[in-house]
PDB file of all heavy atoms in Angstrom:
ATOM      1  N   LEU A   1       0.746  -1.129   0.072  1.00  0.00           N
ATOM      2  CA  LEU A   1      -0.012  -0.033   0.045  1.00  0.00           C
ATOM      3  C   LEU A   1       0.824   1.260   0.067  1.00  0.00           C
ATOM      4  O   LEU A   1       0.537   2.276  -0.674  1.00  0.00           O
ATOM      5  CB  LEU A   1      -0.931   0.022   1.226  1.00  0.00           C
ATOM      6  CG  LEU A   1      -1.830   1.277   1.443  1.00  0.00           C
ATOM      7  CD1 LEU A   1      -2.653   1.545   0.186  1.00  0.00           C
ATOM      8  CD2 LEU A   1      -2.689   1.080   2.629  1.00  0.00           C
ATOM      9  N   GLU A   2       1.988   1.210   0.756  1.00  0.00           N
ATOM     10  CA  GLU A   2       2.866   2.275   0.738  1.00  0.00           C
ATOM     11  C   GLU A   2       3.391   2.682  -0.689  1.00  0.00           C
ATOM     12  O   GLU A   2       3.408   3.749  -1.217  1.00  0.00           O
ATOM     13  CB  GLU A   2       4.047   2.065   1.601  1.00  0.00           C
ATOM     14  CG  GLU A   2       5.068   3.333   1.641  1.00  0.00           C
ATOM     15  CD  GLU A   2       6.382   2.954   2.446  1.00  0.00           C
ATOM     16  OE1 GLU A   2       6.318   1.714   2.939  1.00  0.00           O
ATOM     17  OE2 GLU A   2       7.254   3.813   2.522  1.00  0.00           O
ATOM     18  N   GLN A   3       3.723   1.499  -1.477  1.00  0.00           N
ATOM     19  CA  GLN A   3       4.298   1.712  -2.758  1.00  0.00           C
ATOM     20  C   GLN A   3       3.167   2.138  -3.612  1.00  0.00           C
ATOM     21  O   GLN A   3       3.406   3.120  -4.562  1.00  0.00           O
ATOM     22  CB  GLN A   3       4.756   0.374  -3.321  1.00  0.00           C
ATOM     23  CG  GLN A   3       5.326   0.419  -4.732  1.00  0.00           C
ATOM     24  CD  GLN A   3       5.865  -0.978  -5.065  1.00  0.00           C
ATOM     25  OE1 GLN A   3       7.082  -1.065  -5.311  1.00  0.00           O
ATOM     26  NE2 GLN A   3       4.976  -2.009  -5.105  1.00  0.00           N
ATOM     27  N   CYS A   4       1.967   1.748  -3.432  1.00  0.00           N
ATOM     28  CA  CYS A   4       0.827   2.291  -4.267  1.00  0.00           C
ATOM     29  C   CYS A   4       0.656   3.748  -4.049  1.00  0.00           C
ATOM     30  O   CYS A   4       0.375   4.485  -4.994  1.00  0.00           O
ATOM     31  CB  CYS A   4      -0.456   1.366  -3.866  1.00  0.00           C
ATOM     32  SG  CYS A   4      -1.967   1.963  -4.589  1.00  0.00           S
ATOM     33  N   LEU A   5       0.529   4.237  -2.763  1.00  0.00           N
ATOM     34  CA  LEU A   5       0.325   5.520  -2.387  1.00  0.00           C
ATOM     35  C   LEU A   5       1.433   6.478  -3.035  1.00  0.00           C
ATOM     36  O   LEU A   5       1.159   7.696  -3.405  1.00  0.00           O
ATOM     37  CB  LEU A   5       0.200   5.684  -0.906  1.00  0.00           C
ATOM     38  CG  LEU A   5      -1.082   5.168  -0.352  1.00  0.00           C
ATOM     39  CD1 LEU A   5      -1.170   5.137   1.202  1.00  0.00           C
ATOM     40  CD2 LEU A   5      -2.356   5.856  -0.926  1.00  0.00           C
ATOM     41  N   ARG A   6       2.615   5.956  -3.086  1.00  0.00           N
ATOM     42  CA  ARG A   6       3.724   6.831  -3.619  1.00  0.00           C
ATOM     43  C   ARG A   6       3.470   6.996  -5.128  1.00  0.00           C
ATOM     44  O   ARG A   6       3.698   8.071  -5.680  1.00  0.00           O
ATOM     45  CB  ARG A   6       5.089   6.013  -3.409  1.00  0.00           C
ATOM     46  CG  ARG A   6       5.621   6.117  -1.959  1.00  0.00           C
ATOM     47  CD  ARG A   6       6.910   5.455  -1.950  1.00  0.00           C
ATOM     48  NE  ARG A   6       7.415   5.335  -0.411  1.00  0.00           N
ATOM     49  CZ  ARG A   6       7.975   6.276   0.298  1.00  0.00           C
ATOM     50  NH1 ARG A   6       8.362   7.426  -0.406  1.00  0.00           N
ATOM     51  NH2 ARG A   6       8.398   6.092   1.474  1.00  0.00           N
ATOM     52  N   SER A   7       3.037   5.966  -5.767  1.00  0.00           N
ATOM     53  CA  SER A   7       2.731   6.096  -7.260  1.00  0.00           C
ATOM     54  C   SER A   7       1.601   6.936  -7.467  1.00  0.00           C
ATOM     55  O   SER A   7       1.683   7.675  -8.380  1.00  0.00           O
ATOM     56  CB  SER A   7       2.657   4.599  -7.866  1.00  0.00           C
ATOM     57  OG  SER A   7       1.246   4.020  -7.540  1.00  0.00           O
ATOM     58  N   VAL A   8       0.671   6.811  -6.586  1.00  0.00           N
ATOM     59  CA  VAL A   8      -0.646   7.752  -6.679  1.00  0.00           C
ATOM     60  C   VAL A   8      -0.144   9.195  -6.571  1.00  0.00           C
ATOM     61  O   VAL A   8      -0.587  10.094  -7.314  1.00  0.00           O
ATOM     62  CB  VAL A   8      -1.709   7.370  -5.746  1.00  0.00           C
ATOM     63  CG1 VAL A   8      -2.779   8.422  -5.620  1.00  0.00           C
ATOM     64  CG2 VAL A   8      -2.287   5.951  -6.114  1.00  0.00           C
ATOM     65  N   ALA A   9       0.667   9.358  -5.437  1.00  0.00           N
ATOM     66  CA  ALA A   9       1.115  10.705  -5.366  1.00  0.00           C
ATOM     67  C   ALA A   9       1.793  11.414  -6.427  1.00  0.00           C
ATOM     68  O   ALA A   9       1.562  12.546  -6.937  1.00  0.00           O
ATOM     69  CB  ALA A   9       1.954  10.860  -4.012  1.00  0.00           C
ATOM     70  N   ALA A  10       2.671  10.556  -7.111  1.00  0.00           N
ATOM     71  CA  ALA A  10       3.318  11.053  -8.378  1.00  0.00           C
ATOM     72  C   ALA A  10       2.505  11.292  -9.465  1.00  0.00           C
ATOM     73  O   ALA A  10       2.575  12.351 -10.325  1.00  0.00           O
ATOM     74  CB  ALA A  10       4.467  10.061  -8.747  1.00  0.00           C
ATOM     75  N   ALA A  11       1.488  10.395  -9.750  1.00  0.00           N
ATOM     76  CA  ALA A  11       0.492  10.562 -10.726  1.00  0.00           C
ATOM     77  C   ALA A  11      -0.589  11.597 -10.586  1.00  0.00           C
ATOM     78  O   ALA A  11      -1.090  12.083 -11.509  1.00  0.00           O
ATOM     79  CB  ALA A  11      -0.183   9.118 -11.012  1.00  0.00           C
ATOM     80  N   ALA A  12      -0.723  12.076  -9.341  1.00  0.00           N
ATOM     81  CA  ALA A  12      -1.823  13.030  -9.074  1.00  0.00           C
ATOM     82  C   ALA A  12      -1.446  14.493  -9.130  1.00  0.00           C
ATOM     83  O   ALA A  12      -2.072  15.321  -8.903  1.00  0.00           O
ATOM     84  CB  ALA A  12      -2.376  12.694  -7.710  1.00  0.00           C
ATOM     85  N   ALA A  13      -0.063  14.643  -9.316  1.00  0.00           N
ATOM     86  CA  ALA A  13       0.441  15.961  -9.321  1.00  0.00           C
ATOM     87  C   ALA A  13      -0.307  16.877 -10.370  1.00  0.00           C
ATOM     88  O   ALA A  13      -0.383  16.476 -11.495  1.00  0.00           O
ATOM     89  CB  ALA A  13       1.919  16.023  -9.721  1.00  0.00           C
ATOM     90  N   GLY A  14      -0.771  18.062  -9.822  1.00  0.00           N
ATOM     91  CA  GLY A  14      -1.528  18.963 -10.762  1.00  0.00           C
ATOM     92  C   GLY A  14      -3.057  18.670 -10.991  1.00  0.00           C
ATOM     93  O   GLY A  14      -3.730  19.186 -11.722  1.00  0.00           O
ATOM     94  N   ILE A  15      -3.497  17.483 -10.264  1.00  0.00           N
ATOM     95  CA  ILE A  15      -4.910  17.078 -10.430  1.00  0.00           C
ATOM     96  C   ILE A  15      -5.529  17.384  -9.024  1.00  0.00           C
ATOM     97  O   ILE A  15      -4.957  17.154  -7.954  1.00  0.00           O
ATOM     98  CB  ILE A  15      -4.983  15.600 -10.810  1.00  0.00           C
ATOM     99  CG1 ILE A  15      -4.338  15.395 -12.209  1.00  0.00           C
ATOM    100  CG2 ILE A  15      -6.534  15.212 -11.016  1.00  0.00           C
ATOM    101  CD1 ILE A  15      -4.198  13.909 -12.558  1.00  0.00           C
ATOM    102  N   ASP A  16      -6.770  17.831  -9.093  1.00  0.00           N
ATOM    103  CA  ASP A  16      -7.492  18.042  -7.792  1.00  0.00           C
ATOM    104  C   ASP A  16      -8.055  16.583  -7.355  1.00  0.00           C
ATOM    105  O   ASP A  16      -9.001  16.100  -7.911  1.00  0.00           O
ATOM    106  CB  ASP A  16      -8.799  18.831  -8.156  1.00  0.00           C
ATOM    107  CG  ASP A  16      -9.507  19.279  -6.700  1.00  0.00           C
ATOM    108  OD1 ASP A  16      -9.071  19.028  -5.646  1.00  0.00           O
ATOM    109  OD2 ASP A  16     -10.775  19.773  -6.919  1.00  0.00           O
ATOM    110  N   VAL A  17      -7.218  16.051  -6.401  1.00  0.00           N
ATOM    111  CA  VAL A  17      -7.579  14.649  -5.934  1.00  0.00           C
ATOM    112  C   VAL A  17      -7.717  14.425  -4.435  1.00  0.00           C
ATOM    113  O   VAL A  17      -6.988  15.236  -3.687  1.00  0.00           O
ATOM    114  CB  VAL A  17      -6.269  13.775  -6.350  1.00  0.00           C
ATOM    115  CG1 VAL A  17      -6.435  12.449  -5.897  1.00  0.00           C
ATOM    116  CG2 VAL A  17      -6.210  13.741  -7.938  1.00  0.00           C
ATOM    117  N   GLU A  18      -8.522  13.705  -3.931  1.00  0.00           N
ATOM    118  CA  GLU A  18      -8.651  13.242  -2.671  1.00  0.00           C
ATOM    119  C   GLU A  18      -8.444  11.743  -2.627  1.00  0.00           C
ATOM    120  O   GLU A  18      -8.956  11.012  -3.349  1.00  0.00           O
ATOM    121  CB  GLU A  18      -9.934  13.684  -1.970  1.00  0.00           C
ATOM    122  CG  GLU A  18     -11.136  12.955  -2.617  1.00  0.00           C
ATOM    123  CD  GLU A  18     -12.460  13.248  -1.857  1.00  0.00           C
ATOM    124  OE1 GLU A  18     -12.320  14.067  -0.803  1.00  0.00           O
ATOM    125  OE2 GLU A  18     -13.524  12.829  -2.191  1.00  0.00           O
ATOM    126  N   THR A  19      -7.724  11.268  -1.589  1.00  0.00           N
ATOM    127  CA  THR A  19      -7.444   9.828  -1.522  1.00  0.00           C
ATOM    128  C   THR A  19      -7.954   9.393  -0.130  1.00  0.00           C
ATOM    129  O   THR A  19      -7.549   9.902   0.982  1.00  0.00           O
ATOM    130  CB  THR A  19      -5.831   9.461  -1.557  1.00  0.00           C
ATOM    131  OG1 THR A  19      -5.450  10.027  -2.940  1.00  0.00           O
ATOM    132  CG2 THR A  19      -5.616   7.941  -1.449  1.00  0.00           C
ATOM    133  N   ILE A  20      -8.725   8.271  -0.169  1.00  0.00           N
ATOM    134  CA  ILE A  20      -9.213   7.755   1.006  1.00  0.00           C
ATOM    135  C   ILE A  20      -8.891   6.248   1.124  1.00  0.00           C
ATOM    136  O   ILE A  20      -9.220   5.508   0.130  1.00  0.00           O
ATOM    137  CB  ILE A  20     -10.841   7.804   1.070  1.00  0.00           C
ATOM    138  CG1 ILE A  20     -11.219   9.291   0.855  1.00  0.00           C
ATOM    139  CG2 ILE A  20     -11.357   7.055   2.298  1.00  0.00           C
ATOM    140  CD1 ILE A  20     -12.800   9.407   0.641  1.00  0.00           C
ATOM    141  N   VAL A  21      -8.351   5.897   2.229  1.00  0.00           N
ATOM    142  CA  VAL A  21      -7.909   4.401   2.413  1.00  0.00           C
ATOM    143  C   VAL A  21      -8.716   3.827   3.591  1.00  0.00           C
ATOM    144  O   VAL A  21      -8.828   4.462   4.689  1.00  0.00           O
ATOM    145  CB  VAL A  21      -6.476   4.208   2.795  1.00  0.00           C
ATOM    146  CG1 VAL A  21      -6.121   2.831   3.226  1.00  0.00           C
ATOM    147  CG2 VAL A  21      -5.518   4.704   1.734  1.00  0.00           C
ATOM    148  N   VAL A  22      -9.566   2.795   3.261  1.00  0.00           N
ATOM    149  CA  VAL A  22     -10.238   2.078   4.263  1.00  0.00           C
ATOM    150  C   VAL A  22      -9.582   0.878   4.696  1.00  0.00           C
ATOM    151  O   VAL A  22      -9.285   0.044   3.833  1.00  0.00           O
ATOM    152  CB  VAL A  22     -11.823   1.726   3.664  1.00  0.00           C
ATOM    153  CG1 VAL A  22     -12.551   1.134   4.874  1.00  0.00           C
ATOM    154  CG2 VAL A  22     -12.516   2.960   3.170  1.00  0.00           C
ATOM    155  N   ASP A  23      -9.291   0.877   5.894  1.00  0.00           N
ATOM    156  CA  ASP A  23      -8.508  -0.464   6.462  1.00  0.00           C
ATOM    157  C   ASP A  23      -9.543  -1.399   7.068  1.00  0.00           C
ATOM    158  O   ASP A  23     -10.273  -1.052   8.155  1.00  0.00           O
ATOM    159  CB  ASP A  23      -7.520   0.132   7.407  1.00  0.00           C
ATOM    160  CG  ASP A  23      -6.594  -0.986   8.006  1.00  0.00           C
ATOM    161  OD1 ASP A  23      -5.696  -1.462   7.253  1.00  0.00           O
ATOM    162  OD2 ASP A  23      -6.990  -1.568   9.013  1.00  0.00           O
ATOM    163  N   ASN A  24      -9.502  -2.444   6.508  1.00  0.00           N
ATOM    164  CA  ASN A  24     -10.346  -3.584   7.061  1.00  0.00           C
ATOM    165  C   ASN A  24      -9.857  -4.290   8.284  1.00  0.00           C
ATOM    166  O   ASN A  24      -9.646  -5.664   8.250  1.00  0.00           O
ATOM    167  CB  ASN A  24     -10.762  -4.546   5.988  1.00  0.00           C
ATOM    168  CG  ASN A  24     -12.013  -4.193   5.179  1.00  0.00           C
ATOM    169  OD1 ASN A  24     -12.828  -3.349   5.670  1.00  0.00           O
ATOM    170  ND2 ASN A  24     -12.255  -4.655   3.997  1.00  0.00           N
ATOM    171  N   GLU A  25      -9.514  -3.571   9.382  1.00  0.00           N
ATOM    172  CA  GLU A  25      -8.990  -4.088  10.605  1.00  0.00           C
ATOM    173  C   GLU A  25      -7.633  -5.009  10.311  1.00  0.00           C
ATOM    174  O   GLU A  25      -7.650  -6.034  10.747  1.00  0.00           O
ATOM    175  CB  GLU A  25     -10.061  -4.931  11.259  1.00  0.00           C
ATOM    176  CG  GLU A  25      -9.709  -5.106  12.724  1.00  0.00           C
ATOM    177  CD  GLU A  25     -10.994  -5.798  13.461  1.00  0.00           C
ATOM    178  OE1 GLU A  25     -11.552  -6.803  12.843  1.00  0.00           O
ATOM    179  OE2 GLU A  25     -11.312  -5.424  14.658  1.00  0.00           O
ATOM    180  N   SER A  26      -6.691  -4.259   9.744  1.00  0.00           N
ATOM    181  CA  SER A  26      -5.486  -5.003   9.435  1.00  0.00           C
ATOM    182  C   SER A  26      -4.838  -5.124  10.821  1.00  0.00           C
ATOM    183  O   SER A  26      -5.000  -4.261  11.699  1.00  0.00           O
ATOM    184  CB  SER A  26      -4.460  -4.101   8.607  1.00  0.00           C
ATOM    185  OG  SER A  26      -5.140  -3.927   7.266  1.00  0.00           O
ATOM    186  N   SER A  27      -4.038  -6.272  10.863  1.00  0.00           N
ATOM    187  CA  SER A  27      -3.257  -6.535  12.217  1.00  0.00           C
ATOM    188  C   SER A  27      -1.833  -6.342  12.089  1.00  0.00           C
ATOM    189  O   SER A  27      -0.919  -6.425  13.045  1.00  0.00           O
ATOM    190  CB  SER A  27      -3.414  -7.998  12.547  1.00  0.00           C
ATOM    191  OG  SER A  27      -2.953  -8.965  11.412  1.00  0.00           O
ATOM    192  N   ASP A  28      -1.329  -5.554  10.966  1.00  0.00           N
ATOM    193  CA  ASP A  28       0.041  -5.330  10.708  1.00  0.00           C
ATOM    194  C   ASP A  28       0.439  -3.817  11.056  1.00  0.00           C
ATOM    195  O   ASP A  28       1.579  -3.468  10.667  1.00  0.00           O
ATOM    196  CB  ASP A  28       0.440  -5.657   9.148  1.00  0.00           C
ATOM    197  CG  ASP A  28      -0.339  -4.758   8.256  1.00  0.00           C
ATOM    198  OD1 ASP A  28      -1.252  -3.971   8.623  1.00  0.00           O
ATOM    199  OD2 ASP A  28       0.037  -4.839   7.120  1.00  0.00           O
ATOM    200  N   GLY A  29      -0.489  -3.107  11.712  1.00  0.00           N
ATOM    201  CA  GLY A  29      -0.242  -1.649  12.018  1.00  0.00           C
ATOM    202  C   GLY A  29      -0.194  -0.779  10.815  1.00  0.00           C
ATOM    203  O   GLY A  29       0.593   0.125  10.805  1.00  0.00           O
ATOM    204  N   SER A  30      -0.999  -1.082   9.787  1.00  0.00           N
ATOM    205  CA  SER A  30      -0.970  -0.340   8.493  1.00  0.00           C
ATOM    206  C   SER A  30      -1.195   1.181   8.764  1.00  0.00           C
ATOM    207  O   SER A  30      -0.330   2.018   8.193  1.00  0.00           O
ATOM    208  CB  SER A  30      -2.046  -0.818   7.560  1.00  0.00           C
ATOM    209  OG  SER A  30      -1.867  -2.071   7.090  1.00  0.00           O
TER     210      SER A  30
END
């Protein structure tokens, strides 16, 4: 997910974007 969000941040430059992550009770401290 960290890698995904990094790529999203790079691709979203100059675009009016909001990003929402819903965590389905992860046990890995996401």
